[in-house]
Amino acid sequence: MIAEVIREAAPALLGFFVRRVDAAADAADLVSYTCEAAVRAAERMPEDRHEARLWLFGIARNVLRPDSCHLSADSAVVGRSALIFRGSGSAGYAL
């Protein structure tokens, strides 16, 4: 079921990240990090499809956090997303 949830949410996840980082390639990388984290945590995924999608976007929000353990500290993506996250006020927190 995790693969189906990811497949269905992938376009929306990409849009989520595109609105928060400067480069589309960075957004695609962040989708990959999100999917990797979701697969690693699949046992915690809710069974309800809607809840599973919300859970996946929660992971995406955490991947975008400047202190995220899903990204390396020296990543250019982390640096740019951290600046956007801090500099965007409440927009950086929206889903």
PDB file of N, CA and C in Angstrom:
ATOM      1  N   MET A   1       0.811  -1.196   0.000  1.00  0.00           N
ATOM      2  CA  MET A   1       0.000   0.000   0.000  1.00  0.00           C
ATOM      3  C   MET A   1       0.857   1.263   0.000  1.00  0.00           C
ATOM      4  N   ILE A   2       2.042   1.227   0.578  1.00  0.00           N
ATOM      5  CA  ILE A   2       2.898   2.415   0.614  1.00  0.00           C
ATOM      6  C   ILE A   2       3.227   2.891  -0.794  1.00  0.00           C
ATOM      7  N   ALA A   3       3.502   1.961  -1.704  1.00  0.00           N
ATOM      8  CA  ALA A   3       3.830   2.340  -3.078  1.00  0.00           C
ATOM      9  C   ALA A   3       2.659   3.059  -3.742  1.00  0.00           C
ATOM     10  N   GLU A   4       1.444   2.588  -3.493  1.00  0.00           N
ATOM     11  CA  GLU A   4       0.259   3.211  -4.077  1.00  0.00           C
ATOM     12  C   GLU A   4       0.051   4.618  -3.533  1.00  0.00           C
ATOM     13  N   VAL A   5       0.215   4.765  -2.242  1.00  0.00           N
ATOM     14  CA  VAL A   5       0.035   6.089  -1.615  1.00  0.00           C
ATOM     15  C   VAL A   5       1.074   7.065  -2.164  1.00  0.00           C
ATOM     16  N   ILE A   6       2.311   6.618  -2.278  1.00  0.00           N
ATOM     17  CA  ILE A   6       3.367   7.478  -2.816  1.00  0.00           C
ATOM     18  C   ILE A   6       3.076   7.823  -4.268  1.00  0.00           C
ATOM     19  N   ARG A   7       2.707   6.840  -5.062  1.00  0.00           N
ATOM     20  CA  ARG A   7       2.422   7.066  -6.479  1.00  0.00           C
ATOM     21  C   ARG A   7       1.292   8.091  -6.652  1.00  0.00           C
ATOM     22  N   GLU A   8       0.256   7.970  -5.862  1.00  0.00           N
ATOM     23  CA  GLU A   8      -0.874   8.892  -5.958  1.00  0.00           C
ATOM     24  C   GLU A   8      -0.511  10.300  -5.484  1.00  0.00           C
ATOM     25  N   ALA A   9       0.345  10.395  -4.487  1.00  0.00           N
ATOM     26  CA  ALA A   9       0.671  11.698  -3.904  1.00  0.00           C
ATOM     27  C   ALA A   9       1.878  12.370  -4.548  1.00  0.00           C
ATOM     28  N   ALA A  10       2.638  11.655  -5.363  1.00  0.00           N
ATOM     29  CA  ALA A  10       3.883  12.196  -5.912  1.00  0.00           C
ATOM     30  C   ALA A  10       3.711  13.539  -6.625  1.00  0.00           C
ATOM     31  N   PRO A  11       2.725  13.701  -7.501  1.00  0.00           N
ATOM     32  CA  PRO A  11       2.588  15.021  -8.142  1.00  0.00           C
ATOM     33  C   PRO A  11       2.310  16.143  -7.134  1.00  0.00           C
ATOM     34  N   ALA A  12       1.489  15.875  -6.147  1.00  0.00           N
ATOM     35  CA  ALA A  12       1.190  16.887  -5.129  1.00  0.00           C
ATOM     36  C   ALA A  12       2.412  17.160  -4.255  1.00  0.00           C
ATOM     37  N   LEU A  13       3.183  16.119  -3.958  1.00  0.00           N
ATOM     38  CA  LEU A  13       4.420  16.314  -3.192  1.00  0.00           C
ATOM     39  C   LEU A  13       5.395  17.192  -3.966  1.00  0.00           C
ATOM     40  N   LEU A  14       5.525  16.919  -5.261  1.00  0.00           N
ATOM     41  CA  LEU A  14       6.416  17.742  -6.077  1.00  0.00           C
ATOM     42  C   LEU A  14       5.953  19.192  -6.049  1.00  0.00           C
ATOM     43  N   GLY A  15       4.667  19.426  -6.187  1.00  0.00           N
ATOM     44  CA  GLY A  15       4.140  20.786  -6.114  1.00  0.00           C
ATOM     45  C   GLY A  15       4.405  21.442  -4.770  1.00  0.00           C
ATOM     46  N   PHE A  16       4.266  20.666  -3.706  1.00  0.00           N
ATOM     47  CA  PHE A  16       4.551  21.144  -2.350  1.00  0.00           C
ATOM     48  C   PHE A  16       5.975  21.678  -2.263  1.00  0.00           C
ATOM     49  N   PHE A  17       6.930  20.907  -2.793  1.00  0.00           N
ATOM     50  CA  PHE A  17       8.324  21.325  -2.715  1.00  0.00           C
ATOM     51  C   PHE A  17       8.670  22.417  -3.721  1.00  0.00           C
ATOM     52  N   VAL A  18       8.084  22.373  -4.919  1.00  0.00           N
ATOM     53  CA  VAL A  18       8.362  23.402  -5.927  1.00  0.00           C
ATOM     54  C   VAL A  18       8.011  24.787  -5.389  1.00  0.00           C
ATOM     55  N   ARG A  19       6.937  24.861  -4.608  1.00  0.00           N
ATOM     56  CA  ARG A  19       6.538  26.152  -4.033  1.00  0.00           C
ATOM     57  C   ARG A  19       7.474  26.607  -2.917  1.00  0.00           C
ATOM     58  N   ARG A  20       8.365  25.744  -2.456  1.00  0.00           N
ATOM     59  CA  ARG A  20       9.186  26.080  -1.294  1.00  0.00           C
ATOM     60  C   ARG A  20      10.686  26.150  -1.567  1.00  0.00           C
ATOM     61  N   VAL A  21      11.126  25.699  -2.730  1.00  0.00           N
ATOM     62  CA  VAL A  21      12.549  25.781  -3.076  1.00  0.00           C
ATOM     63  C   VAL A  21      12.689  26.443  -4.436  1.00  0.00           C
ATOM     64  N   ASP A  22      13.887  26.913  -4.741  1.00  0.00           N
ATOM     65  CA  ASP A  22      14.104  27.661  -5.973  1.00  0.00           C
ATOM     66  C   ASP A  22      14.206  26.775  -7.219  1.00  0.00           C
ATOM     67  N   ALA A  23      14.846  25.636  -7.113  1.00  0.00           N
ATOM     68  CA  ALA A  23      15.120  24.804  -8.285  1.00  0.00           C
ATOM     69  C   ALA A  23      14.216  23.572  -8.314  1.00  0.00           C
ATOM     70  N   ALA A  24      13.664  23.301  -9.494  1.00  0.00           N
ATOM     71  CA  ALA A  24      12.802  22.123  -9.652  1.00  0.00           C
ATOM     72  C   ALA A  24      13.572  20.843  -9.358  1.00  0.00           C
ATOM     73  N   ALA A  25      14.845  20.808  -9.693  1.00  0.00           N
ATOM     74  CA  ALA A  25      15.652  19.613  -9.412  1.00  0.00           C
ATOM     75  C   ALA A  25      15.757  19.387  -7.906  1.00  0.00           C
ATOM     76  N   ASP A  26      15.869  20.454  -7.146  1.00  0.00           N
ATOM     77  CA  ASP A  26      15.902  20.323  -5.691  1.00  0.00           C
ATOM     78  C   ASP A  26      14.574  19.779  -5.180  1.00  0.00           C
ATOM     79  N   ALA A  27      13.481  20.254  -5.764  1.00  0.00           N
ATOM     80  CA  ALA A  27      12.153  19.770  -5.363  1.00  0.00           C
ATOM     81  C   ALA A  27      12.044  18.275  -5.632  1.00  0.00           C
ATOM     82  N   ALA A  28      12.539  17.836  -6.774  1.00  0.00           N
ATOM     83  CA  ALA A  28      12.497  16.407  -7.102  1.00  0.00           C
ATOM     84  C   ALA A  28      13.339  15.603  -6.111  1.00  0.00           C
ATOM     85  N   ASP A  29      14.490  16.143  -5.726  1.00  0.00           N
ATOM     86  CA  ASP A  29      15.325  15.467  -4.725  1.00  0.00           C
ATOM     87  C   ASP A  29      14.588  15.345  -3.397  1.00  0.00           C
ATOM     88  N   LEU A  30      13.888  16.397  -3.018  1.00  0.00           N
ATOM     89  CA  LEU A  30      13.157  16.377  -1.753  1.00  0.00           C
ATOM     90  C   LEU A  30      12.007  15.372  -1.788  1.00  0.00           C
ATOM     91  N   VAL A  31      11.372  15.209  -2.944  1.00  0.00           N
ATOM     92  CA  VAL A  31      10.349  14.169  -3.087  1.00  0.00           C
ATOM     93  C   VAL A  31      10.992  12.805  -2.864  1.00  0.00           C
ATOM     94  N   SER A  32      12.168  12.601  -3.435  1.00  0.00           N
ATOM     95  CA  SER A  32      12.872  11.323  -3.254  1.00  0.00           C
ATOM     96  C   SER A  32      13.200  11.068  -1.792  1.00  0.00           C
ATOM     97  N   TYR A  33      13.697  12.089  -1.104  1.00  0.00           N
ATOM     98  CA  TYR A  33      14.000  11.938   0.324  1.00  0.00           C
ATOM     99  C   TYR A  33      12.731  11.606   1.113  1.00  0.00           C
ATOM    100  N   THR A  34      11.629  12.246   0.738  1.00  0.00           N
ATOM    101  CA  THR A  34      10.353  11.986   1.409  1.00  0.00           C
ATOM    102  C   THR A  34       9.918  10.544   1.202  1.00  0.00           C
ATOM    103  N   CYS A  35      10.015  10.071  -0.023  1.00  0.00           N
ATOM    104  CA  CYS A  35       9.621   8.692  -0.335  1.00  0.00           C
ATOM    105  C   CYS A  35      10.501   7.694   0.405  1.00  0.00           C
ATOM    106  N   GLU A  36      11.784   7.976   0.455  1.00  0.00           N
ATOM    107  CA  GLU A  36      12.710   7.099   1.181  1.00  0.00           C
ATOM    108  C   GLU A  36      12.339   7.036   2.662  1.00  0.00           C
ATOM    109  N   ALA A  37      12.078   8.191   3.247  1.00  0.00           N
ATOM    110  CA  ALA A  37      11.706   8.226   4.667  1.00  0.00           C
ATOM    111  C   ALA A  37      10.380   7.507   4.899  1.00  0.00           C
ATOM    112  N   ALA A  38       9.435   7.664   3.976  1.00  0.00           N
ATOM    113  CA  ALA A  38       8.133   7.005   4.111  1.00  0.00           C
ATOM    114  C   ALA A  38       8.278   5.490   4.042  1.00  0.00           C
ATOM    115  N   VAL A  39       9.095   5.013   3.144  1.00  0.00           N
ATOM    116  CA  VAL A  39       9.300   3.565   3.029  1.00  0.00           C
ATOM    117  C   VAL A  39       9.946   3.024   4.304  1.00  0.00           C
ATOM    118  N   ARG A  40      10.900   3.767   4.849  1.00  0.00           N
ATOM    119  CA  ARG A  40      11.547   3.328   6.089  1.00  0.00           C
ATOM    120  C   ARG A  40      10.578   3.306   7.264  1.00  0.00           C
ATOM    121  N   ALA A  41       9.551   4.160   7.208  1.00  0.00           N
ATOM    122  CA  ALA A  41       8.593   4.256   8.315  1.00  0.00           C
ATOM    123  C   ALA A  41       7.242   3.637   7.948  1.00  0.00           C
ATOM    124  N   ALA A  42       7.212   2.812   6.944  1.00  0.00           N
ATOM    125  CA  ALA A  42       5.947   2.281   6.414  1.00  0.00           C
ATOM    126  C   ALA A  42       5.092   1.581   7.471  1.00  0.00           C
ATOM    127  N   GLU A  43       5.711   0.990   8.469  1.00  0.00           N
ATOM    128  CA  GLU A  43       4.930   0.285   9.496  1.00  0.00           C
ATOM    129  C   GLU A  43       4.082   1.250  10.325  1.00  0.00           C
ATOM    130  N   ARG A  44       4.413   2.537  10.281  1.00  0.00           N
ATOM    131  CA  ARG A  44       3.647   3.543  11.032  1.00  0.00           C
ATOM    132  C   ARG A  44       2.590   4.246  10.175  1.00  0.00           C
ATOM    133  N   MET A  45       2.514   3.889   8.894  1.00  0.00           N
ATOM    134  CA  MET A  45       1.563   4.530   7.993  1.00  0.00           C
ATOM    135  C   MET A  45       0.135   4.131   8.355  1.00  0.00           C
ATOM    136  N   PRO A  46      -0.761   5.115   8.460  1.00  0.00           N
ATOM    137  CA  PRO A  46      -2.166   4.782   8.741  1.00  0.00           C
ATOM    138  C   PRO A  46      -2.771   3.942   7.614  1.00  0.00           C
ATOM    139  N   GLU A  47      -3.733   3.127   7.948  1.00  0.00           N
ATOM    140  CA  GLU A  47      -4.366   2.270   6.941  1.00  0.00           C
ATOM    141  C   GLU A  47      -5.335   3.035   6.054  1.00  0.00           C
ATOM    142  N   ASP A  48      -5.983   4.044   6.601  1.00  0.00           N
ATOM    143  CA  ASP A  48      -6.908   4.859   5.821  1.00  0.00           C
ATOM    144  C   ASP A  48      -6.125   5.669   4.782  1.00  0.00           C
ATOM    145  N   ARG A  49      -6.570   5.655   3.528  1.00  0.00           N
ATOM    146  CA  ARG A  49      -5.861   6.333   2.430  1.00  0.00           C
ATOM    147  C   ARG A  49      -5.688   7.835   2.687  1.00  0.00           C
ATOM    148  N   HIS A  50      -6.749   8.485   3.125  1.00  0.00           N
ATOM    149  CA  HIS A  50      -6.663   9.919   3.388  1.00  0.00           C
ATOM    150  C   HIS A  50      -5.666  10.201   4.515  1.00  0.00           C
ATOM    151  N   GLU A  51      -5.751   9.444   5.566  1.00  0.00           N
ATOM    152  CA  GLU A  51      -4.812   9.608   6.682  1.00  0.00           C
ATOM    153  C   GLU A  51      -3.384   9.303   6.244  1.00  0.00           C
ATOM    154  N   ALA A  52      -3.213   8.325   5.374  1.00  0.00           N
ATOM    155  CA  ALA A  52      -1.877   7.972   4.872  1.00  0.00           C
ATOM    156  C   ALA A  52      -1.297   9.128   4.056  1.00  0.00           C
ATOM    157  N   ARG A  53      -2.130   9.782   3.273  1.00  0.00           N
ATOM    158  CA  ARG A  53      -1.668  10.939   2.489  1.00  0.00           C
ATOM    159  C   ARG A  53      -1.244  12.076   3.424  1.00  0.00           C
ATOM    160  N   LEU A  54      -2.040  12.346   4.442  1.00  0.00           N
ATOM    161  CA  LEU A  54      -1.673  13.372   5.418  1.00  0.00           C
ATOM    162  C   LEU A  54      -0.362  13.020   6.114  1.00  0.00           C
ATOM    163  N   TRP A  55      -0.197  11.754   6.460  1.00  0.00           N
ATOM    164  CA  TRP A  55       1.030  11.265   7.091  1.00  0.00           C
ATOM    165  C   TRP A  55       2.228  11.518   6.176  1.00  0.00           C
ATOM    166  N   LEU A  56       2.044  11.244   4.877  1.00  0.00           N
ATOM    167  CA  LEU A  56       3.116  11.440   3.907  1.00  0.00           C
ATOM    168  C   LEU A  56       3.495  12.912   3.800  1.00  0.00           C
ATOM    169  N   PHE A  57       2.511  13.797   3.821  1.00  0.00           N
ATOM    170  CA  PHE A  57       2.820  15.220   3.769  1.00  0.00           C
ATOM    171  C   PHE A  57       3.457  15.713   5.073  1.00  0.00           C
ATOM    172  N   GLY A  58       3.154  15.054   6.166  1.00  0.00           N
ATOM    173  CA  GLY A  58       3.861  15.356   7.415  1.00  0.00           C
ATOM    174  C   GLY A  58       5.333  15.018   7.300  1.00  0.00           C
ATOM    175  N   ILE A  59       5.614  13.899   6.661  1.00  0.00           N
ATOM    176  CA  ILE A  59       7.010  13.522   6.415  1.00  0.00           C
ATOM    177  C   ILE A  59       7.660  14.560   5.513  1.00  0.00           C
ATOM    178  N   ALA A  60       6.959  14.984   4.472  1.00  0.00           N
ATOM    179  CA  ALA A  60       7.498  15.995   3.556  1.00  0.00           C
ATOM    180  C   ALA A  60       7.836  17.280   4.299  1.00  0.00           C
ATOM    181  N   ARG A  61       6.947  17.703   5.169  1.00  0.00           N
ATOM    182  CA  ARG A  61       7.206  18.923   5.957  1.00  0.00           C
ATOM    183  C   ARG A  61       8.451  18.745   6.820  1.00  0.00           C
ATOM    184  N   ASN A  62       8.607  17.566   7.410  1.00  0.00           N
ATOM    185  CA  ASN A  62       9.789  17.310   8.236  1.00  0.00           C
ATOM    186  C   ASN A  62      11.065  17.251   7.409  1.00  0.00           C
ATOM    187  N   VAL A  63      10.981  16.736   6.187  1.00  0.00           N
ATOM    188  CA  VAL A  63      12.146  16.699   5.299  1.00  0.00           C
ATOM    189  C   VAL A  63      12.601  18.116   4.982  1.00  0.00           C
ATOM    190  N   LEU A  64      11.679  19.022   4.879  1.00  0.00           N
ATOM    191  CA  LEU A  64      12.004  20.408   4.550  1.00  0.00           C
ATOM    192  C   LEU A  64      12.589  21.189   5.724  1.00  0.00           C
ATOM    193  N   ARG A  65      12.404  20.699   6.928  1.00  0.00           N
ATOM    194  CA  ARG A  65      12.918  21.398   8.109  1.00  0.00           C
ATOM    195  C   ARG A  65      14.438  21.529   8.035  1.00  0.00           C
ATOM    196  N   PRO A  66      14.958  22.666   8.451  1.00  0.00           N
ATOM    197  CA  PRO A  66      16.408  22.874   8.404  1.00  0.00           C
ATOM    198  C   PRO A  66      17.199  21.854   9.228  1.00  0.00           C
ATOM    199  N   ASP A  67      16.624  21.324  10.279  1.00  0.00           N
ATOM    200  CA  ASP A  67      17.338  20.368  11.124  1.00  0.00           C
ATOM    201  C   ASP A  67      16.984  18.924  10.771  1.00  0.00           C
ATOM    202  N   SER A  68      16.456  18.716   9.586  1.00  0.00           N
ATOM    203  CA  SER A  68      16.006  17.393   9.168  1.00  0.00           C
ATOM    204  C   SER A  68      17.132  16.372   9.176  1.00  0.00           C
ATOM    205  N   CYS A  69      16.832  15.197   9.714  1.00  0.00           N
ATOM    206  CA  CYS A  69      17.821  14.123   9.692  1.00  0.00           C
ATOM    207  C   CYS A  69      17.790  13.380   8.355  1.00  0.00           C
ATOM    208  N   HIS A  70      16.859  13.745   7.473  1.00  0.00           N
ATOM    209  CA  HIS A  70      16.749  13.077   6.177  1.00  0.00           C
ATOM    210  C   HIS A  70      17.681  13.670   5.141  1.00  0.00           C
ATOM    211  N   LEU A  71      18.251  14.824   5.430  1.00  0.00           N
ATOM    212  CA  LEU A  71      19.162  15.482   4.506  1.00  0.00           C
ATOM    213  C   LEU A  71      20.489  15.720   5.198  1.00  0.00           C
ATOM    214  N   SER A  72      21.546  15.671   4.421  1.00  0.00           N
ATOM    215  CA  SER A  72      22.856  15.922   5.012  1.00  0.00           C
ATOM    216  C   SER A  72      23.038  17.412   5.252  1.00  0.00           C
ATOM    217  N   ALA A  73      23.772  17.743   6.263  1.00  0.00           N
ATOM    218  CA  ALA A  73      23.943  19.139   6.663  1.00  0.00           C
ATOM    219  C   ALA A  73      24.657  19.964   5.604  1.00  0.00           C
ATOM    220  N   ASP A  74      25.458  19.336   4.748  1.00  0.00           N
ATOM    221  CA  ASP A  74      26.194  20.090   3.745  1.00  0.00           C
ATOM    222  C   ASP A  74      25.462  20.172   2.412  1.00  0.00           C
ATOM    223  N   SER A  75      24.269  19.671   2.351  1.00  0.00           N
ATOM    224  CA  SER A  75      23.496  19.676   1.110  1.00  0.00           C
ATOM    225  C   SER A  75      23.104  21.086   0.725  1.00  0.00           C
ATOM    226  N   ALA A  76      23.245  21.411  -0.552  1.00  0.00           N
ATOM    227  CA  ALA A  76      22.811  22.712  -1.055  1.00  0.00           C
ATOM    228  C   ALA A  76      21.305  22.851  -0.911  1.00  0.00           C
ATOM    229  N   VAL A  77      20.597  21.748  -1.051  1.00  0.00           N
ATOM    230  CA  VAL A  77      19.146  21.778  -0.904  1.00  0.00           C
ATOM    231  C   VAL A  77      18.776  22.204   0.506  1.00  0.00           C
ATOM    232  N   VAL A  78      19.481  21.670   1.491  1.00  0.00           N
ATOM    233  CA  VAL A  78      19.197  22.018   2.880  1.00  0.00           C
ATOM    234  C   VAL A  78      19.419  23.499   3.099  1.00  0.00           C
ATOM    235  N   GLY A  79      20.517  24.015   2.598  1.00  0.00           N
ATOM    236  CA  GLY A  79      20.808  25.430   2.787  1.00  0.00           C
ATOM    237  C   GLY A  79      19.738  26.324   2.203  1.00  0.00           C
ATOM    238  N   ARG A  80      19.340  26.032   0.970  1.00  0.00           N
ATOM    239  CA  ARG A  80      18.320  26.851   0.325  1.00  0.00           C
ATOM    240  C   ARG A  80      16.965  26.676   0.984  1.00  0.00           C
ATOM    241  N   SER A  81      16.603  25.442   1.299  1.00  0.00           N
ATOM    242  CA  SER A  81      15.282  25.242   1.906  1.00  0.00           C
ATOM    243  C   SER A  81      15.240  25.842   3.306  1.00  0.00           C
ATOM    244  N   ALA A  82      16.350  25.823   4.012  1.00  0.00           N
ATOM    245  CA  ALA A  82      16.387  26.427   5.341  1.00  0.00           C
ATOM    246  C   ALA A  82      16.155  27.929   5.249  1.00  0.00           C
ATOM    247  N   LEU A  83      16.762  28.563   4.258  1.00  0.00           N
ATOM    248  CA  LEU A  83      16.561  29.999   4.095  1.00  0.00           C
ATOM    249  C   LEU A  83      15.114  30.311   3.737  1.00  0.00           C
ATOM    250  N   ILE A  84      14.542  29.531   2.857  1.00  0.00           N
ATOM    251  CA  ILE A  84      13.154  29.743   2.466  1.00  0.00           C
ATOM    252  C   ILE A  84      12.243  29.495   3.657  1.00  0.00           C
ATOM    253  N   PHE A  85      12.517  28.428   4.380  1.00  0.00           N
ATOM    254  CA  PHE A  85      11.684  28.047   5.529  1.00  0.00           C
ATOM    255  C   PHE A  85      11.684  29.145   6.573  1.00  0.00           C
ATOM    256  N   ARG A  86      12.869  29.673   6.883  1.00  0.00           N
ATOM    257  CA  ARG A  86      12.963  30.731   7.901  1.00  0.00           C
ATOM    258  C   ARG A  86      12.435  32.064   7.387  1.00  0.00           C
ATOM    259  N   GLY A  87      12.668  32.340   6.105  1.00  0.00           N
ATOM    260  CA  GLY A  87      12.345  33.645   5.562  1.00  0.00           C
ATOM    261  C   GLY A  87      10.927  33.820   5.065  1.00  0.00           C
ATOM    262  N   SER A  88      10.146  32.765   5.051  1.00  0.00           N
ATOM    263  CA  SER A  88       8.827  32.871   4.436  1.00  0.00           C
ATOM    264  C   SER A  88       7.692  33.058   5.433  1.00  0.00           C
ATOM    265  N   GLY A  89       8.000  33.223   6.689  1.00  0.00           N
ATOM    266  CA  GLY A  89       6.933  33.375   7.678  1.00  0.00           C
ATOM    267  C   GLY A  89       6.092  32.126   7.748  1.00  0.00           C
ATOM    268  N   SER A  90       4.804  32.266   7.854  1.00  0.00           N
ATOM    269  CA  SER A  90       3.931  31.112   7.983  1.00  0.00           C
ATOM    270  C   SER A  90       3.822  30.315   6.705  1.00  0.00           C
ATOM    271  N   ALA A  91       4.181  30.875   5.553  1.00  0.00           N
ATOM    272  CA  ALA A  91       4.070  30.153   4.278  1.00  0.00           C
ATOM    273  C   ALA A  91       4.956  28.923   4.271  1.00  0.00           C
ATOM    274  N   GLY A  92       6.071  28.952   4.974  1.00  0.00           N
ATOM    275  CA  GLY A  92       6.958  27.803   5.025  1.00  0.00           C
ATOM    276  C   GLY A  92       6.367  26.631   5.778  1.00  0.00           C
ATOM    277  N   TYR A  93       5.304  26.865   6.532  1.00  0.00           N
ATOM    278  CA  TYR A  93       4.712  25.815   7.337  1.00  0.00           C
ATOM    279  C   TYR A  93       3.450  25.237   6.717  1.00  0.00           C
ATOM    280  N   ALA A  94       2.946  25.875   5.672  1.00  0.00           N
ATOM    281  CA  ALA A  94       1.670  25.436   5.082  1.00  0.00           C
ATOM    282  C   ALA A  94       1.844  24.150   4.297  1.00  0.00           C
ATOM    283  N   LEU A  95       0.786  23.362   4.250  1.00  0.00           N
ATOM    284  CA  LEU A  95       0.796  22.166   3.407  1.00  0.00           C
ATOM    285  C   LEU A  95       0.255  22.466   2.057  1.00  0.00           C
TER     286      LEU A  95
END
